[in-house]
Amino acid sequence: MKEIKYSKDHEWVKIQDDLAIIGISNHAQESLGDIVFINLPEIGAKVNSGDEVSVIESVKAASDIFNPIDGEICEVNQTLNNDASIINKDPENDGWIYKLKDFQKSQFDSLMNIEEYKEFLKTE
């Protein structure tokens, strides 16, 4: 399994080949409840860590998705346009939201591993 890192905004990042794959954590999807829509980010956009890149809507609320590391959006998960609930079913695999190229590896390294993320969740 590839290492997954987590941000304090509840996004996850996984490196595959030369791309960073990004989605929301299982904790985030559980907090949101049934996801009904996602506004996917724009391909080609250069984004910085902390930038708002997307909005995800559930039956309970709308929530911003914040980019965890600098890079350029090179692909989005188009299947989410037809079925955003994939994020509820499999948030850290099939429910990925977008991919970055030319990302900052040092920023990835500074994100939390799963143990650190679980400890962080206890403080929320």
N, C-alpha and C. Protein backbone atom coordinates (compact mmCIF):
# COMPACT_ATOMS: atom_id res chain seq x y z
N MET A 1 0.83 -1.19 0.00
CA MET A 1 0.00 0.00 0.00
C MET A 1 0.87 1.25 0.00
N LYS A 2 0.48 2.21 -0.78
CA LYS A 2 1.19 3.47 -0.82
C LYS A 2 0.91 4.24 0.47
N GLU A 3 1.91 4.99 0.92
CA GLU A 3 1.72 5.79 2.12
C GLU A 3 0.74 6.92 1.85
N ILE A 4 -0.19 7.07 2.77
CA ILE A 4 -1.15 8.17 2.70
C ILE A 4 -0.81 9.15 3.81
N LYS A 5 -0.81 10.43 3.49
CA LYS A 5 -0.58 11.49 4.48
C LYS A 5 -1.85 12.32 4.57
N TYR A 6 -2.01 13.01 5.70
CA TYR A 6 -3.23 13.75 5.98
C TYR A 6 -2.93 15.20 6.37
N SER A 7 -3.87 16.09 6.00
CA SER A 7 -3.75 17.49 6.39
C SER A 7 -4.69 17.77 7.56
N LYS A 8 -4.48 18.90 8.22
CA LYS A 8 -5.36 19.31 9.31
C LYS A 8 -6.75 19.69 8.81
N ASP A 9 -6.88 19.88 7.50
CA ASP A 9 -8.19 20.19 6.89
C ASP A 9 -8.90 18.91 6.45
N HIS A 10 -8.34 17.75 6.78
CA HIS A 10 -8.95 16.43 6.54
C HIS A 10 -8.89 15.99 5.08
N GLU A 11 -7.87 16.46 4.35
CA GLU A 11 -7.61 15.91 3.03
C GLU A 11 -6.49 14.87 3.17
N TRP A 12 -6.51 13.90 2.27
CA TRP A 12 -5.43 12.93 2.22
C TRP A 12 -4.67 13.10 0.92
N VAL A 13 -3.40 12.69 0.94
CA VAL A 13 -2.54 12.75 -0.24
C VAL A 13 -1.80 11.43 -0.34
N LYS A 14 -1.76 10.89 -1.55
CA LYS A 14 -1.04 9.64 -1.82
C LYS A 14 -0.22 9.90 -3.08
N ILE A 15 1.03 9.50 -3.08
CA ILE A 15 1.90 9.68 -4.25
C ILE A 15 1.87 8.40 -5.08
N GLN A 16 1.60 8.58 -6.38
CA GLN A 16 1.63 7.45 -7.31
C GLN A 16 2.36 7.91 -8.55
N ASP A 17 3.46 7.25 -8.83
CA ASP A 17 4.35 7.67 -9.92
C ASP A 17 4.77 9.11 -9.67
N ASP A 18 4.52 10.02 -10.61
CA ASP A 18 4.91 11.42 -10.44
C ASP A 18 3.73 12.31 -10.08
N LEU A 19 2.64 11.71 -9.60
CA LEU A 19 1.45 12.48 -9.30
C LEU A 19 1.07 12.35 -7.82
N ALA A 20 0.45 13.41 -7.31
CA ALA A 20 -0.11 13.38 -5.96
C ALA A 20 -1.62 13.27 -6.12
N ILE A 21 -2.21 12.24 -5.54
CA ILE A 21 -3.65 12.01 -5.61
C ILE A 21 -4.25 12.54 -4.31
N ILE A 22 -5.36 13.29 -4.42
CA ILE A 22 -5.92 13.97 -3.26
C ILE A 22 -7.42 13.72 -3.15
N GLY A 23 -7.86 13.52 -1.90
CA GLY A 23 -9.27 13.36 -1.60
C GLY A 23 -9.53 13.78 -0.17
N ILE A 24 -10.73 13.49 0.33
CA ILE A 24 -11.02 13.80 1.73
C ILE A 24 -10.95 12.52 2.56
N SER A 25 -10.64 12.69 3.82
CA SER A 25 -10.47 11.54 4.70
C SER A 25 -11.80 10.87 5.02
N ASN A 26 -11.70 9.65 5.51
CA ASN A 26 -12.89 8.93 5.95
C ASN A 26 -13.60 9.71 7.06
N HIS A 27 -12.83 10.30 7.96
CA HIS A 27 -13.41 11.12 9.04
C HIS A 27 -14.22 12.28 8.45
N ALA A 28 -13.68 12.94 7.42
CA ALA A 28 -14.39 14.07 6.80
C ALA A 28 -15.69 13.63 6.16
N GLN A 29 -15.68 12.52 5.43
CA GLN A 29 -16.92 12.07 4.77
C GLN A 29 -17.94 11.64 5.82
N GLU A 30 -17.49 11.05 6.92
CA GLU A 30 -18.43 10.67 7.98
C GLU A 30 -19.05 11.91 8.62
N SER A 31 -18.26 12.96 8.79
CA SER A 31 -18.76 14.21 9.37
C SER A 31 -19.77 14.89 8.45
N LEU A 32 -19.51 14.81 7.15
CA LEU A 32 -20.40 15.45 6.18
C LEU A 32 -21.72 14.72 6.03
N GLY A 33 -21.71 13.42 6.16
CA GLY A 33 -22.92 12.64 5.89
C GLY A 33 -23.04 12.33 4.41
N ASP A 34 -24.26 12.11 3.93
CA ASP A 34 -24.48 11.70 2.54
C ASP A 34 -24.08 12.81 1.57
N ILE A 35 -23.05 12.55 0.78
CA ILE A 35 -22.55 13.53 -0.18
C ILE A 35 -23.39 13.45 -1.45
N VAL A 36 -23.86 14.62 -1.90
CA VAL A 36 -24.76 14.66 -3.06
C VAL A 36 -24.15 15.37 -4.27
N PHE A 37 -23.11 16.19 -4.05
CA PHE A 37 -22.54 16.95 -5.16
C PHE A 37 -21.12 17.38 -4.81
N ILE A 38 -20.28 17.44 -5.84
CA ILE A 38 -18.95 18.03 -5.66
C ILE A 38 -18.65 18.91 -6.87
N ASN A 39 -18.16 20.09 -6.59
CA ASN A 39 -17.71 21.01 -7.63
C ASN A 39 -16.22 20.72 -7.83
N LEU A 40 -15.90 20.02 -8.91
CA LEU A 40 -14.52 19.59 -9.15
C LEU A 40 -13.63 20.78 -9.51
N PRO A 41 -12.36 20.73 -9.11
CA PRO A 41 -11.44 21.82 -9.45
C PRO A 41 -11.13 21.86 -10.94
N GLU A 42 -10.51 22.96 -11.35
CA GLU A 42 -10.21 23.19 -12.77
C GLU A 42 -8.86 22.59 -13.13
N ILE A 43 -8.85 21.78 -14.19
CA ILE A 43 -7.61 21.20 -14.68
C ILE A 43 -6.73 22.33 -15.22
N GLY A 44 -5.45 22.27 -14.88
CA GLY A 44 -4.49 23.28 -15.32
C GLY A 44 -4.26 24.37 -14.29
N ALA A 45 -5.09 24.42 -13.27
CA ALA A 45 -4.93 25.44 -12.23
C ALA A 45 -3.69 25.14 -11.40
N LYS A 46 -2.87 26.17 -11.20
CA LYS A 46 -1.73 26.06 -10.29
C LYS A 46 -2.24 26.45 -8.91
N VAL A 47 -2.07 25.56 -7.95
CA VAL A 47 -2.63 25.78 -6.61
C VAL A 47 -1.54 25.69 -5.55
N ASN A 48 -1.75 26.45 -4.50
CA ASN A 48 -0.83 26.45 -3.37
C ASN A 48 -1.47 25.74 -2.19
N SER A 49 -0.65 25.34 -1.27
CA SER A 49 -1.13 24.73 -0.04
C SER A 49 -2.07 25.72 0.65
N GLY A 50 -3.23 25.23 1.05
CA GLY A 50 -4.20 26.08 1.73
C GLY A 50 -5.23 26.72 0.83
N ASP A 51 -5.02 26.66 -0.50
CA ASP A 51 -6.00 27.22 -1.44
C ASP A 51 -7.29 26.41 -1.42
N GLU A 52 -8.42 27.11 -1.51
CA GLU A 52 -9.70 26.43 -1.66
C GLU A 52 -9.79 25.98 -3.12
N VAL A 53 -9.98 24.68 -3.35
CA VAL A 53 -9.99 24.17 -4.72
C VAL A 53 -11.33 23.59 -5.15
N SER A 54 -12.20 23.33 -4.18
CA SER A 54 -13.44 22.64 -4.51
C SER A 54 -14.44 22.86 -3.39
N VAL A 55 -15.70 22.60 -3.70
CA VAL A 55 -16.76 22.59 -2.69
C VAL A 55 -17.47 21.26 -2.79
N ILE A 56 -17.70 20.66 -1.64
CA ILE A 56 -18.40 19.39 -1.58
C ILE A 56 -19.69 19.63 -0.80
N GLU A 57 -20.81 19.09 -1.32
CA GLU A 57 -22.09 19.31 -0.67
C GLU A 57 -22.68 17.99 -0.22
N SER A 58 -23.21 18.02 1.00
CA SER A 58 -23.91 16.85 1.53
C SER A 58 -25.33 17.28 1.89
N VAL A 59 -26.12 16.33 2.34
CA VAL A 59 -27.48 16.67 2.74
C VAL A 59 -27.46 17.58 3.96
N LYS A 60 -26.35 17.60 4.71
CA LYS A 60 -26.24 18.42 5.91
C LYS A 60 -25.65 19.81 5.65
N ALA A 61 -24.63 19.90 4.79
CA ALA A 61 -23.89 21.15 4.66
C ALA A 61 -23.01 21.15 3.41
N ALA A 62 -22.49 22.32 3.10
CA ALA A 62 -21.46 22.45 2.07
C ALA A 62 -20.13 22.68 2.78
N SER A 63 -19.08 22.13 2.24
CA SER A 63 -17.77 22.24 2.87
C SER A 63 -16.71 22.49 1.81
N ASP A 64 -15.76 23.35 2.12
CA ASP A 64 -14.67 23.64 1.20
C ASP A 64 -13.62 22.54 1.28
N ILE A 65 -12.99 22.28 0.14
CA ILE A 65 -11.85 21.38 0.07
C ILE A 65 -10.62 22.27 -0.11
N PHE A 66 -9.64 22.10 0.76
CA PHE A 66 -8.43 22.90 0.70
C PHE A 66 -7.28 22.05 0.19
N ASN A 67 -6.51 22.61 -0.72
CA ASN A 67 -5.38 21.91 -1.30
C ASN A 67 -4.26 21.77 -0.26
N PRO A 68 -3.75 20.55 -0.05
CA PRO A 68 -2.73 20.37 0.99
C PRO A 68 -1.28 20.65 0.58
N ILE A 69 -0.97 20.60 -0.72
CA ILE A 69 0.41 20.84 -1.17
C ILE A 69 0.40 21.60 -2.49
N ASP A 70 1.44 22.38 -2.72
CA ASP A 70 1.56 23.15 -3.97
C ASP A 70 1.67 22.20 -5.16
N GLY A 71 1.07 22.61 -6.29
CA GLY A 71 1.20 21.83 -7.51
C GLY A 71 0.25 22.33 -8.58
N GLU A 72 0.13 21.57 -9.65
CA GLU A 72 -0.78 21.91 -10.75
C GLU A 72 -1.79 20.79 -10.94
N ILE A 73 -3.06 21.15 -10.94
CA ILE A 73 -4.11 20.15 -11.12
C ILE A 73 -4.05 19.61 -12.55
N CYS A 74 -3.87 18.30 -12.67
CA CYS A 74 -3.71 17.71 -14.00
C CYS A 74 -4.82 16.72 -14.34
N GLU A 75 -5.62 16.34 -13.35
CA GLU A 75 -6.70 15.39 -13.60
C GLU A 75 -7.72 15.52 -12.48
N VAL A 76 -9.01 15.34 -12.83
CA VAL A 76 -10.06 15.30 -11.81
C VAL A 76 -10.84 14.00 -12.00
N ASN A 77 -11.49 13.57 -10.94
CA ASN A 77 -12.25 12.31 -10.97
C ASN A 77 -13.65 12.60 -11.54
N GLN A 78 -13.78 12.47 -12.85
CA GLN A 78 -15.03 12.80 -13.53
C GLN A 78 -16.20 11.91 -13.09
N THR A 79 -15.92 10.72 -12.61
CA THR A 79 -17.03 9.84 -12.20
C THR A 79 -17.82 10.45 -11.03
N LEU A 80 -17.20 11.37 -10.30
CA LEU A 80 -17.89 12.01 -9.18
C LEU A 80 -19.00 12.94 -9.66
N ASN A 81 -18.92 13.40 -10.92
CA ASN A 81 -19.99 14.24 -11.47
C ASN A 81 -21.31 13.48 -11.52
N ASN A 82 -21.25 12.19 -11.79
CA ASN A 82 -22.45 11.37 -11.88
C ASN A 82 -22.83 10.71 -10.56
N ASP A 83 -21.85 10.51 -9.70
CA ASP A 83 -22.12 9.81 -8.44
C ASP A 83 -21.15 10.28 -7.36
N ALA A 84 -21.46 11.41 -6.74
CA ALA A 84 -20.59 11.96 -5.69
C ALA A 84 -20.57 11.07 -4.45
N SER A 85 -21.56 10.18 -4.32
CA SER A 85 -21.62 9.30 -3.15
C SER A 85 -20.48 8.28 -3.12
N ILE A 86 -19.73 8.17 -4.21
CA ILE A 86 -18.54 7.31 -4.22
C ILE A 86 -17.61 7.74 -3.09
N ILE A 87 -17.59 9.04 -2.79
CA ILE A 87 -16.74 9.54 -1.71
C ILE A 87 -17.16 8.94 -0.37
N ASN A 88 -18.46 8.76 -0.15
CA ASN A 88 -18.92 8.11 1.08
C ASN A 88 -18.53 6.64 1.12
N LYS A 89 -18.61 5.98 -0.03
CA LYS A 89 -18.37 4.54 -0.07
C LYS A 89 -16.88 4.19 0.04
N ASP A 90 -16.02 4.99 -0.57
CA ASP A 90 -14.60 4.65 -0.63
C ASP A 90 -13.77 5.94 -0.73
N PRO A 91 -13.75 6.75 0.35
CA PRO A 91 -13.14 8.08 0.27
C PRO A 91 -11.64 8.08 -0.02
N GLU A 92 -10.94 7.03 0.37
CA GLU A 92 -9.49 7.06 0.23
C GLU A 92 -8.98 6.18 -0.91
N ASN A 93 -9.87 5.79 -1.82
CA ASN A 93 -9.47 5.07 -3.02
C ASN A 93 -10.26 5.59 -4.22
N ASP A 94 -11.40 4.94 -4.53
CA ASP A 94 -12.20 5.34 -5.70
C ASP A 94 -12.76 6.76 -5.57
N GLY A 95 -12.87 7.26 -4.34
CA GLY A 95 -13.41 8.59 -4.11
C GLY A 95 -12.39 9.71 -4.19
N TRP A 96 -11.23 9.45 -4.79
CA TRP A 96 -10.25 10.53 -4.96
C TRP A 96 -10.89 11.68 -5.74
N ILE A 97 -10.40 12.90 -5.52
CA ILE A 97 -11.02 14.07 -6.14
C ILE A 97 -10.20 14.62 -7.29
N TYR A 98 -8.89 14.80 -7.07
CA TYR A 98 -8.04 15.34 -8.14
C TYR A 98 -6.60 14.89 -7.96
N LYS A 99 -5.82 15.13 -9.03
CA LYS A 99 -4.40 14.77 -9.01
C LYS A 99 -3.58 16.02 -9.34
N LEU A 100 -2.40 16.09 -8.72
CA LEU A 100 -1.47 17.20 -8.96
C LEU A 100 -0.20 16.68 -9.62
N LYS A 101 0.34 17.49 -10.53
CA LYS A 101 1.69 17.24 -11.03
C LYS A 101 2.56 18.40 -10.53
N ASP A 102 3.86 18.25 -10.66
CA ASP A 102 4.80 19.28 -10.23
C ASP A 102 4.54 19.72 -8.79
N PHE A 103 4.25 18.74 -7.93
CA PHE A 103 3.93 19.04 -6.53
C PHE A 103 5.21 19.14 -5.69
N GLN A 104 5.05 19.67 -4.49
CA GLN A 104 6.18 19.84 -3.57
C GLN A 104 6.30 18.62 -2.65
N LYS A 105 7.28 17.77 -2.92
CA LYS A 105 7.50 16.56 -2.13
C LYS A 105 7.77 16.89 -0.67
N SER A 106 8.47 17.98 -0.41
CA SER A 106 8.77 18.35 0.98
C SER A 106 7.49 18.67 1.75
N GLN A 107 6.50 19.25 1.07
CA GLN A 107 5.23 19.52 1.73
C GLN A 107 4.49 18.22 2.02
N PHE A 108 4.55 17.27 1.10
CA PHE A 108 3.95 15.95 1.34
C PHE A 108 4.59 15.32 2.58
N ASP A 109 5.91 15.36 2.65
CA ASP A 109 6.62 14.74 3.77
C ASP A 109 6.23 15.36 5.11
N SER A 110 5.82 16.63 5.10
CA SER A 110 5.50 17.32 6.36
C SER A 110 4.06 17.08 6.82
N LEU A 111 3.23 16.42 5.98
CA LEU A 111 1.86 16.11 6.39
C LEU A 111 1.87 14.97 7.41
N MET A 112 0.73 14.74 8.06
CA MET A 112 0.63 13.73 9.12
C MET A 112 0.47 12.32 8.53
N ASN A 113 1.13 11.34 9.17
CA ASN A 113 0.86 9.95 8.82
C ASN A 113 -0.42 9.53 9.55
N ILE A 114 -0.88 8.31 9.34
CA ILE A 114 -2.17 7.88 9.89
C ILE A 114 -2.19 7.93 11.42
N GLU A 115 -1.09 7.57 12.08
CA GLU A 115 -1.05 7.61 13.54
C GLU A 115 -1.16 9.05 14.03
N GLU A 116 -0.41 9.96 13.41
CA GLU A 116 -0.46 11.37 13.80
C GLU A 116 -1.86 11.96 13.54
N TYR A 117 -2.46 11.55 12.43
CA TYR A 117 -3.79 12.05 12.10
C TYR A 117 -4.82 11.57 13.14
N LYS A 118 -4.73 10.32 13.54
CA LYS A 118 -5.66 9.80 14.57
C LYS A 118 -5.50 10.57 15.88
N GLU A 119 -4.27 10.90 16.24
CA GLU A 119 -4.04 11.70 17.44
C GLU A 119 -4.62 13.11 17.27
N PHE A 120 -4.44 13.68 16.09
CA PHE A 120 -4.98 15.01 15.79
C PHE A 120 -6.50 15.01 15.93
N LEU A 121 -7.16 13.97 15.47
CA LEU A 121 -8.62 13.89 15.54
C LEU A 121 -9.12 13.92 17.00
N LYS A 122 -8.33 13.39 17.91
CA LYS A 122 -8.71 13.39 19.32
C LYS A 122 -8.76 14.80 19.90
N THR A 123 -8.04 15.74 19.26
CA THR A 123 -7.98 17.11 19.77
C THR A 123 -9.07 18.00 19.20
N GLU A 124 -9.81 17.50 18.24
CA GLU A 124 -10.84 18.32 17.58
C GLU A 124 -12.13 18.35 18.36
